[in-house]
Amino acid sequence: MTYRSDPLKSPKFLTTDTSTMEESSSADEEIHLRRGRRRNTRKSRKLIPPQPMERPVETVEVACEFQHDDIVWITENDERKIGRVIDLRMRVLLDDLPTDEMFSAKPHDYMQYVLVLYFDGQKNWRWVSVKYVSYCLVKSIKAEDYPPAVREALREAKAFL
């Protein structure tokens, strides 16, 4: 096996043929031009972000600011009752309630109504207009100030909490 004794940069290996020099330099320029073009096309493209897909949201049970299990006052015909707001999307937690009946009784303009389960010992429920519903701060209410039916409802509501 023979090893080279002269370095590659020695005059013996250098060429003076300009045609090979021109070919190699034009190839380098061509590569740079290709790269440049590719960059320009990428930069010049305007990326349009995809439009977010709007999925219909089912908000059929709870209107306005009321949420599932909120304790509320229902004031109708000069009578006050206590109940809790029911969100039918939580039907997994509502095993003992007739959710199918509740769905079928849903008003057409459901955004103006709240489904309320009364604290009356009988598990009565009803869709109530939002204008008759307000929050009930059960822990700060003195039960002695109310009639016996409301006192019993307050006891049930406190036990629920």
N, C-alpha and C. Protein backbone atom coordinates (compact mmCIF):
# COMPACT_ATOMS: atom_id res chain seq x y z
N MET A 1 0.85 -1.16 0.00
CA MET A 1 0.00 0.00 0.00
C MET A 1 0.90 1.23 0.00
N THR A 2 0.55 2.18 -0.83
CA THR A 2 1.37 3.37 -0.97
C THR A 2 0.66 4.55 -0.35
N TYR A 3 1.40 5.32 0.41
CA TYR A 3 0.84 6.52 1.02
C TYR A 3 1.32 7.73 0.27
N ARG A 4 0.52 8.76 0.24
CA ARG A 4 0.89 9.99 -0.44
C ARG A 4 1.93 10.69 0.40
N SER A 5 2.92 11.14 -0.24
CA SER A 5 3.99 11.83 0.48
C SER A 5 3.82 13.34 0.39
N ASP A 6 3.13 13.84 -0.64
CA ASP A 6 2.96 15.28 -0.80
C ASP A 6 1.58 15.70 -0.29
N PRO A 7 1.52 16.86 0.33
CA PRO A 7 0.20 17.34 0.77
C PRO A 7 -0.66 17.70 -0.43
N LEU A 8 -1.99 17.71 -0.22
CA LEU A 8 -2.91 18.02 -1.31
C LEU A 8 -2.76 19.43 -1.83
N LYS A 9 -2.32 20.33 -1.02
CA LYS A 9 -2.21 21.72 -1.46
C LYS A 9 -0.87 21.99 -2.16
N SER A 10 -0.14 20.99 -2.39
CA SER A 10 1.14 21.22 -3.06
C SER A 10 0.86 21.60 -4.52
N PRO A 11 1.76 22.32 -5.17
CA PRO A 11 1.55 22.80 -6.54
C PRO A 11 1.29 21.67 -7.53
N LYS A 12 1.68 20.51 -7.22
CA LYS A 12 1.51 19.40 -8.13
C LYS A 12 0.02 19.04 -8.29
N PHE A 13 -0.77 19.26 -7.22
CA PHE A 13 -2.19 18.94 -7.28
C PHE A 13 -3.07 20.11 -7.67
N LEU A 14 -2.54 21.29 -7.73
CA LEU A 14 -3.33 22.46 -8.10
C LEU A 14 -3.56 22.48 -9.59
N THR A 15 -4.71 22.91 -10.01
CA THR A 15 -5.02 22.98 -11.43
C THR A 15 -5.12 24.44 -11.85
N THR A 16 -4.83 24.68 -13.07
CA THR A 16 -4.96 26.03 -13.62
C THR A 16 -6.05 26.08 -14.65
N ASP A 17 -6.78 25.00 -14.79
CA ASP A 17 -7.86 24.95 -15.76
C ASP A 17 -9.02 25.78 -15.22
N THR A 18 -9.37 26.87 -15.90
CA THR A 18 -10.40 27.80 -15.42
C THR A 18 -11.80 27.28 -15.68
N SER A 19 -11.98 26.37 -16.60
CA SER A 19 -13.32 25.88 -16.90
C SER A 19 -13.90 25.14 -15.69
N THR A 20 -13.06 24.36 -15.02
CA THR A 20 -13.56 23.67 -13.83
C THR A 20 -13.87 24.66 -12.72
N MET A 21 -13.08 25.72 -12.64
CA MET A 21 -13.33 26.75 -11.62
C MET A 21 -14.66 27.43 -11.89
N GLU A 22 -14.92 27.76 -13.17
CA GLU A 22 -16.16 28.44 -13.51
C GLU A 22 -17.37 27.54 -13.24
N GLU A 23 -17.24 26.27 -13.59
CA GLU A 23 -18.34 25.35 -13.36
C GLU A 23 -18.67 25.25 -11.87
N SER A 24 -17.65 25.12 -11.06
CA SER A 24 -17.91 24.97 -9.63
C SER A 24 -18.47 26.25 -9.03
N SER A 25 -18.00 27.41 -9.48
CA SER A 25 -18.52 28.67 -8.92
C SER A 25 -19.95 28.92 -9.39
N SER A 26 -20.26 28.56 -10.64
CA SER A 26 -21.63 28.76 -11.10
C SER A 26 -22.59 27.80 -10.39
N ALA A 27 -22.10 26.62 -10.07
CA ALA A 27 -22.93 25.67 -9.33
C ALA A 27 -23.22 26.22 -7.93
N ASP A 28 -22.21 26.83 -7.30
CA ASP A 28 -22.41 27.43 -5.97
C ASP A 28 -23.44 28.54 -6.03
N GLU A 29 -23.32 29.41 -7.06
CA GLU A 29 -24.26 30.52 -7.20
C GLU A 29 -25.68 29.99 -7.42
N GLU A 30 -25.79 28.95 -8.23
CA GLU A 30 -27.10 28.38 -8.52
C GLU A 30 -27.74 27.83 -7.25
N ILE A 31 -26.96 27.17 -6.43
CA ILE A 31 -27.49 26.64 -5.17
C ILE A 31 -27.97 27.77 -4.28
N HIS A 32 -27.19 28.86 -4.20
CA HIS A 32 -27.60 30.00 -3.38
C HIS A 32 -28.88 30.63 -3.91
N LEU A 33 -28.99 30.71 -5.26
CA LEU A 33 -30.20 31.27 -5.84
C LEU A 33 -31.41 30.40 -5.52
N ARG A 34 -31.24 29.10 -5.63
CA ARG A 34 -32.34 28.20 -5.31
C ARG A 34 -32.77 28.37 -3.86
N ARG A 35 -31.80 28.40 -2.99
CA ARG A 35 -32.13 28.57 -1.58
C ARG A 35 -32.84 29.90 -1.34
N GLY A 36 -32.34 30.93 -2.00
CA GLY A 36 -32.95 32.25 -1.84
C GLY A 36 -34.38 32.27 -2.32
N ARG A 37 -34.62 31.66 -3.47
CA ARG A 37 -35.98 31.61 -4.00
C ARG A 37 -36.90 30.87 -3.05
N ARG A 38 -36.42 29.78 -2.53
CA ARG A 38 -37.24 28.98 -1.63
C ARG A 38 -37.62 29.81 -0.39
N ARG A 39 -36.66 30.54 0.13
CA ARG A 39 -36.95 31.37 1.29
C ARG A 39 -37.97 32.44 0.96
N ASN A 40 -37.80 33.06 -0.18
CA ASN A 40 -38.72 34.14 -0.55
C ASN A 40 -40.14 33.63 -0.71
N THR A 41 -40.29 32.45 -1.31
CA THR A 41 -41.65 31.96 -1.49
C THR A 41 -42.29 31.63 -0.15
N ARG A 42 -41.51 31.13 0.78
CA ARG A 42 -42.07 30.84 2.09
C ARG A 42 -42.47 32.12 2.81
N LYS A 43 -41.61 33.13 2.70
CA LYS A 43 -41.92 34.39 3.38
C LYS A 43 -43.09 35.10 2.73
N SER A 44 -43.17 34.98 1.40
CA SER A 44 -44.21 35.73 0.70
C SER A 44 -45.59 35.12 0.88
N ARG A 45 -45.62 33.83 1.22
CA ARG A 45 -46.93 33.21 1.45
C ARG A 45 -47.55 33.78 2.71
N LYS A 46 -48.80 34.11 2.59
CA LYS A 46 -49.51 34.59 3.77
C LYS A 46 -50.21 33.40 4.39
N LEU A 47 -49.84 33.11 5.59
CA LEU A 47 -50.48 32.00 6.28
C LEU A 47 -51.79 32.48 6.88
N ILE A 48 -52.84 31.88 6.46
CA ILE A 48 -54.17 32.23 6.97
C ILE A 48 -54.50 31.22 8.06
N PRO A 49 -54.70 31.71 9.28
CA PRO A 49 -55.02 30.76 10.35
C PRO A 49 -56.37 30.12 10.09
N PRO A 50 -56.50 28.86 10.44
CA PRO A 50 -57.78 28.19 10.20
C PRO A 50 -58.86 28.80 11.08
N GLN A 51 -60.04 28.87 10.53
CA GLN A 51 -61.17 29.41 11.29
C GLN A 51 -61.55 28.42 12.38
N PRO A 52 -61.75 28.91 13.59
CA PRO A 52 -62.15 27.98 14.65
C PRO A 52 -63.53 27.41 14.35
N MET A 53 -63.66 26.13 14.57
CA MET A 53 -64.94 25.50 14.32
C MET A 53 -65.86 25.79 15.48
N GLU A 54 -67.02 26.30 15.17
CA GLU A 54 -67.97 26.61 16.22
C GLU A 54 -68.86 25.40 16.44
N ARG A 55 -68.79 24.90 17.65
CA ARG A 55 -69.64 23.78 18.00
C ARG A 55 -70.85 24.32 18.73
N PRO A 56 -72.00 23.80 18.45
CA PRO A 56 -73.17 24.26 19.19
C PRO A 56 -73.05 23.85 20.65
N VAL A 57 -73.31 24.79 21.52
CA VAL A 57 -73.22 24.53 22.94
C VAL A 57 -74.61 24.35 23.49
N GLU A 58 -74.80 23.28 24.23
CA GLU A 58 -76.11 23.02 24.81
C GLU A 58 -76.21 23.71 26.15
N THR A 59 -76.96 24.79 26.19
CA THR A 59 -77.20 25.48 27.46
C THR A 59 -78.70 25.55 27.66
N VAL A 60 -79.30 24.42 27.79
CA VAL A 60 -80.76 24.39 27.83
C VAL A 60 -81.33 24.42 29.23
N GLU A 61 -80.52 24.22 30.24
CA GLU A 61 -81.09 24.04 31.56
C GLU A 61 -80.93 25.24 32.49
N VAL A 62 -79.81 25.88 32.45
CA VAL A 62 -79.55 26.93 33.42
C VAL A 62 -79.48 28.27 32.71
N ALA A 63 -80.28 29.20 33.16
CA ALA A 63 -80.33 30.50 32.53
C ALA A 63 -79.45 31.48 33.30
N CYS A 64 -79.04 32.50 32.61
CA CYS A 64 -78.32 33.63 33.20
C CYS A 64 -77.17 33.20 34.09
N GLU A 65 -77.19 33.73 35.31
CA GLU A 65 -76.05 33.53 36.20
C GLU A 65 -76.22 32.34 37.14
N PHE A 66 -77.32 31.64 37.09
CA PHE A 66 -77.55 30.53 38.01
C PHE A 66 -76.83 29.28 37.54
N GLN A 67 -76.28 28.54 38.51
CA GLN A 67 -75.55 27.32 38.20
C GLN A 67 -76.17 26.14 38.94
N HIS A 68 -75.77 24.96 38.52
CA HIS A 68 -76.29 23.73 39.12
C HIS A 68 -76.06 23.74 40.64
N ASP A 69 -77.08 23.38 41.38
CA ASP A 69 -77.07 23.27 42.85
C ASP A 69 -77.04 24.61 43.58
N ASP A 70 -77.26 25.72 42.89
CA ASP A 70 -77.42 26.99 43.60
C ASP A 70 -78.72 26.93 44.40
N ILE A 71 -78.71 27.45 45.62
CA ILE A 71 -79.91 27.52 46.44
C ILE A 71 -80.56 28.87 46.15
N VAL A 72 -81.86 28.84 45.82
CA VAL A 72 -82.55 30.06 45.38
C VAL A 72 -83.90 30.23 46.07
N TRP A 73 -84.33 31.50 46.11
CA TRP A 73 -85.69 31.84 46.50
C TRP A 73 -86.54 31.87 45.25
N ILE A 74 -87.75 31.37 45.35
CA ILE A 74 -88.73 31.49 44.27
C ILE A 74 -89.89 32.28 44.85
N THR A 75 -90.12 33.46 44.29
CA THR A 75 -91.17 34.34 44.81
C THR A 75 -92.24 34.50 43.76
N GLU A 76 -93.41 33.91 44.01
CA GLU A 76 -94.55 34.02 43.10
C GLU A 76 -95.82 34.16 43.92
N ASN A 77 -96.72 35.00 43.44
CA ASN A 77 -98.02 35.18 44.10
C ASN A 77 -97.88 35.49 45.59
N ASP A 78 -96.95 36.36 45.94
CA ASP A 78 -96.69 36.75 47.33
C ASP A 78 -96.32 35.56 48.22
N GLU A 79 -95.80 34.52 47.65
CA GLU A 79 -95.38 33.34 48.40
C GLU A 79 -93.91 33.07 48.09
N ARG A 80 -93.13 32.79 49.13
CA ARG A 80 -91.70 32.50 48.94
C ARG A 80 -91.43 31.03 49.24
N LYS A 81 -90.70 30.41 48.32
CA LYS A 81 -90.29 29.02 48.49
C LYS A 81 -88.79 28.94 48.25
N ILE A 82 -88.19 27.88 48.75
CA ILE A 82 -86.76 27.68 48.57
C ILE A 82 -86.56 26.43 47.71
N GLY A 83 -85.61 26.53 46.79
CA GLY A 83 -85.31 25.39 45.92
C GLY A 83 -83.86 25.41 45.51
N ARG A 84 -83.50 24.44 44.71
CA ARG A 84 -82.14 24.41 44.17
C ARG A 84 -82.21 24.30 42.66
N VAL A 85 -81.28 24.95 42.01
CA VAL A 85 -81.22 24.97 40.55
C VAL A 85 -80.70 23.62 40.06
N ILE A 86 -81.34 23.11 39.03
CA ILE A 86 -80.95 21.83 38.43
C ILE A 86 -80.47 22.08 37.00
N ASP A 87 -79.31 21.54 36.70
CA ASP A 87 -78.77 21.58 35.34
C ASP A 87 -78.88 20.16 34.79
N LEU A 88 -79.70 19.97 33.79
CA LEU A 88 -79.94 18.63 33.27
C LEU A 88 -78.72 18.01 32.59
N ARG A 89 -77.71 18.81 32.32
CA ARG A 89 -76.47 18.24 31.79
C ARG A 89 -75.77 17.40 32.86
N MET A 90 -76.17 17.59 34.11
CA MET A 90 -75.61 16.82 35.22
C MET A 90 -76.49 15.60 35.53
N ARG A 91 -77.18 15.10 34.54
CA ARG A 91 -78.17 14.03 34.76
C ARG A 91 -77.57 12.78 35.38
N VAL A 92 -76.27 12.59 35.26
CA VAL A 92 -75.63 11.44 35.89
C VAL A 92 -75.79 11.52 37.41
N LEU A 93 -75.79 12.74 37.93
CA LEU A 93 -75.92 12.94 39.37
C LEU A 93 -77.38 12.96 39.82
N LEU A 94 -78.30 12.91 38.89
CA LEU A 94 -79.72 13.05 39.20
C LEU A 94 -80.46 11.73 39.03
N ASP A 95 -79.96 10.69 39.64
CA ASP A 95 -80.54 9.35 39.47
C ASP A 95 -82.01 9.28 39.88
N ASP A 96 -82.35 9.95 40.96
CA ASP A 96 -83.69 9.79 41.52
C ASP A 96 -84.70 10.79 40.97
N LEU A 97 -84.31 11.59 39.98
CA LEU A 97 -85.22 12.59 39.41
C LEU A 97 -85.66 12.18 38.01
N PRO A 98 -86.87 12.57 37.61
CA PRO A 98 -87.38 12.21 36.27
C PRO A 98 -86.82 13.15 35.19
N THR A 99 -85.57 12.93 34.80
CA THR A 99 -84.91 13.84 33.85
C THR A 99 -85.61 13.86 32.49
N ASP A 100 -86.17 12.75 32.06
CA ASP A 100 -86.87 12.73 30.76
C ASP A 100 -88.08 13.65 30.79
N GLU A 101 -88.82 13.61 31.88
CA GLU A 101 -89.97 14.51 32.02
C GLU A 101 -89.52 15.96 32.05
N MET A 102 -88.42 16.21 32.74
CA MET A 102 -87.89 17.57 32.84
C MET A 102 -87.50 18.10 31.46
N PHE A 103 -86.86 17.25 30.67
CA PHE A 103 -86.50 17.64 29.31
C PHE A 103 -87.74 17.93 28.47
N SER A 104 -88.72 17.09 28.57
CA SER A 104 -89.92 17.28 27.74
C SER A 104 -90.73 18.50 28.17
N ALA A 105 -90.62 18.91 29.43
CA ALA A 105 -91.35 20.08 29.91
C ALA A 105 -90.59 21.38 29.69
N LYS A 106 -89.41 21.29 29.12
CA LYS A 106 -88.57 22.47 28.90
C LYS A 106 -89.30 23.49 28.03
N PRO A 107 -89.37 24.75 28.46
CA PRO A 107 -90.04 25.78 27.65
C PRO A 107 -89.24 26.08 26.37
N HIS A 108 -89.93 26.63 25.38
CA HIS A 108 -89.26 26.97 24.12
C HIS A 108 -88.23 28.06 24.32
N ASP A 109 -88.55 29.05 25.13
CA ASP A 109 -87.61 30.14 25.42
C ASP A 109 -86.87 29.82 26.72
N TYR A 110 -86.10 28.74 26.69
CA TYR A 110 -85.49 28.22 27.91
C TYR A 110 -84.46 29.15 28.54
N MET A 111 -83.94 30.12 27.81
CA MET A 111 -82.95 31.04 28.39
C MET A 111 -83.57 31.96 29.44
N GLN A 112 -84.86 32.07 29.45
CA GLN A 112 -85.55 32.92 30.42
C GLN A 112 -86.10 32.11 31.60
N TYR A 113 -85.75 30.83 31.67
CA TYR A 113 -86.28 29.96 32.72
C TYR A 113 -85.15 29.20 33.40
N VAL A 114 -85.43 28.80 34.63
CA VAL A 114 -84.51 28.00 35.42
C VAL A 114 -85.27 26.78 35.94
N LEU A 115 -84.66 25.62 35.86
CA LEU A 115 -85.27 24.42 36.41
C LEU A 115 -84.95 24.37 37.90
N VAL A 116 -86.00 24.33 38.73
CA VAL A 116 -85.83 24.37 40.18
C VAL A 116 -86.45 23.13 40.81
N LEU A 117 -85.71 22.53 41.72
CA LEU A 117 -86.21 21.43 42.54
C LEU A 117 -86.51 22.02 43.92
N TYR A 118 -87.77 21.97 44.32
CA TYR A 118 -88.18 22.59 45.58
C TYR A 118 -87.75 21.74 46.77
N PHE A 119 -87.40 22.43 47.87
CA PHE A 119 -87.15 21.75 49.14
C PHE A 119 -88.49 21.66 49.86
N ASP A 120 -89.30 20.70 49.45
CA ASP A 120 -90.63 20.56 50.05
C ASP A 120 -90.86 19.14 50.57
N GLY A 121 -89.83 18.32 50.55
CA GLY A 121 -89.96 16.95 51.04
C GLY A 121 -90.55 16.00 50.01
N GLN A 122 -91.09 16.51 48.91
CA GLN A 122 -91.74 15.66 47.90
C GLN A 122 -90.99 15.65 46.56
N LYS A 123 -89.90 16.38 46.49
CA LYS A 123 -89.09 16.47 45.26
C LYS A 123 -89.89 17.01 44.08
N ASN A 124 -90.70 18.02 44.34
CA ASN A 124 -91.40 18.69 43.24
C ASN A 124 -90.41 19.56 42.49
N TRP A 125 -90.62 19.72 41.20
CA TRP A 125 -89.75 20.53 40.37
C TRP A 125 -90.60 21.33 39.39
N ARG A 126 -89.99 22.40 38.87
CA ARG A 126 -90.72 23.23 37.91
C ARG A 126 -89.75 24.15 37.20
N TRP A 127 -90.07 24.48 35.95
CA TRP A 127 -89.34 25.51 35.22
C TRP A 127 -89.91 26.85 35.66
N VAL A 128 -89.06 27.72 36.22
CA VAL A 128 -89.50 28.99 36.78
C VAL A 128 -88.85 30.12 36.00
N SER A 129 -89.63 31.16 35.73
CA SER A 129 -89.10 32.33 35.03
C SER A 129 -88.00 32.98 35.88
N VAL A 130 -86.95 33.43 35.22
CA VAL A 130 -85.80 34.02 35.90
C VAL A 130 -86.20 35.22 36.76
N LYS A 131 -87.23 35.95 36.36
CA LYS A 131 -87.62 37.14 37.11
C LYS A 131 -88.17 36.82 38.49
N TYR A 132 -88.54 35.56 38.75
CA TYR A 132 -89.06 35.16 40.06
C TYR A 132 -88.01 34.45 40.92
N VAL A 133 -86.78 34.37 40.44
CA VAL A 133 -85.73 33.62 41.13
C VAL A 133 -84.63 34.56 41.60
N SER A 134 -84.18 34.36 42.84
CA SER A 134 -83.04 35.12 43.37
C SER A 134 -82.23 34.20 44.29
N TYR A 135 -80.99 34.58 44.52
CA TYR A 135 -80.12 33.75 45.36
C TYR A 135 -80.62 33.74 46.80
N CYS A 136 -80.39 32.62 47.47
CA CYS A 136 -80.76 32.46 48.87
C CYS A 136 -79.50 32.10 49.65
N LEU A 137 -79.11 32.98 50.56
CA LEU A 137 -77.94 32.72 51.40
C LEU A 137 -78.41 31.98 52.65
N VAL A 138 -78.50 30.69 52.55
CA VAL A 138 -79.10 29.84 53.57
C VAL A 138 -78.41 29.99 54.92
N LYS A 139 -77.12 30.08 54.93
CA LYS A 139 -76.37 30.11 56.19
C LYS A 139 -76.58 31.40 56.97
N SER A 140 -76.97 32.46 56.31
CA SER A 140 -77.14 33.74 57.01
C SER A 140 -78.60 34.06 57.33
N ILE A 141 -79.51 33.16 57.06
CA ILE A 141 -80.94 33.41 57.29
C ILE A 141 -81.35 32.89 58.67
N LYS A 142 -82.14 33.69 59.36
CA LYS A 142 -82.71 33.26 60.64
C LYS A 142 -84.04 32.58 60.37
N ALA A 143 -84.12 31.31 60.65
CA ALA A 143 -85.32 30.52 60.34
C ALA A 143 -86.53 30.98 61.14
N GLU A 144 -86.30 31.57 62.31
CA GLU A 144 -87.43 31.99 63.16
C GLU A 144 -88.29 33.06 62.51
N ASP A 145 -87.73 33.78 61.56
CA ASP A 145 -88.45 34.89 60.92
C ASP A 145 -89.44 34.41 59.85
N TYR A 146 -89.52 33.12 59.60
CA TYR A 146 -90.33 32.61 58.49
C TYR A 146 -91.38 31.62 58.98
N PRO A 147 -92.43 31.40 58.18
CA PRO A 147 -93.47 30.42 58.55
C PRO A 147 -92.90 28.99 58.58
N PRO A 148 -93.62 28.06 59.19
CA PRO A 148 -93.13 26.68 59.36
C PRO A 148 -92.73 25.98 58.05
N ALA A 149 -93.45 26.18 56.97
CA ALA A 149 -93.12 25.51 55.70
C ALA A 149 -91.76 25.98 55.19
N VAL A 150 -91.49 27.28 55.32
CA VAL A 150 -90.20 27.82 54.88
C VAL A 150 -89.09 27.35 55.81
N ARG A 151 -89.38 27.25 57.11
CA ARG A 151 -88.38 26.76 58.07
C ARG A 151 -87.94 25.33 57.70
N GLU A 152 -88.92 24.51 57.39
CA GLU A 152 -88.61 23.12 57.00
C GLU A 152 -87.77 23.10 55.72
N ALA A 153 -88.11 23.95 54.76
CA ALA A 153 -87.34 24.04 53.51
C ALA A 153 -85.92 24.52 53.80
N LEU A 154 -85.77 25.47 54.73
CA LEU A 154 -84.44 25.96 55.10
C LEU A 154 -83.61 24.83 55.73
N ARG A 155 -84.25 24.03 56.58
CA ARG A 155 -83.55 22.89 57.19
C ARG A 155 -83.07 21.91 56.11
N GLU A 156 -83.92 21.63 55.15
CA GLU A 156 -83.54 20.73 54.05
C GLU A 156 -82.38 21.32 53.24
N ALA A 157 -82.47 22.62 52.97
CA ALA A 157 -81.42 23.28 52.18
C ALA A 157 -80.09 23.26 52.93
N LYS A 158 -80.12 23.50 54.24
CA LYS A 158 -78.88 23.46 55.03
C LYS A 158 -78.32 22.05 55.05
N ALA A 159 -79.19 21.05 55.14
CA ALA A 159 -78.73 19.66 55.13
C ALA A 159 -78.13 19.30 53.76
N PHE A 160 -78.67 19.89 52.70
CA PHE A 160 -78.15 19.63 51.35
C PHE A 160 -76.74 20.18 51.20
N LEU A 161 -76.51 21.36 51.80
CA LEU A 161 -75.18 21.97 51.69
C LEU A 161 -74.19 21.15 52.47
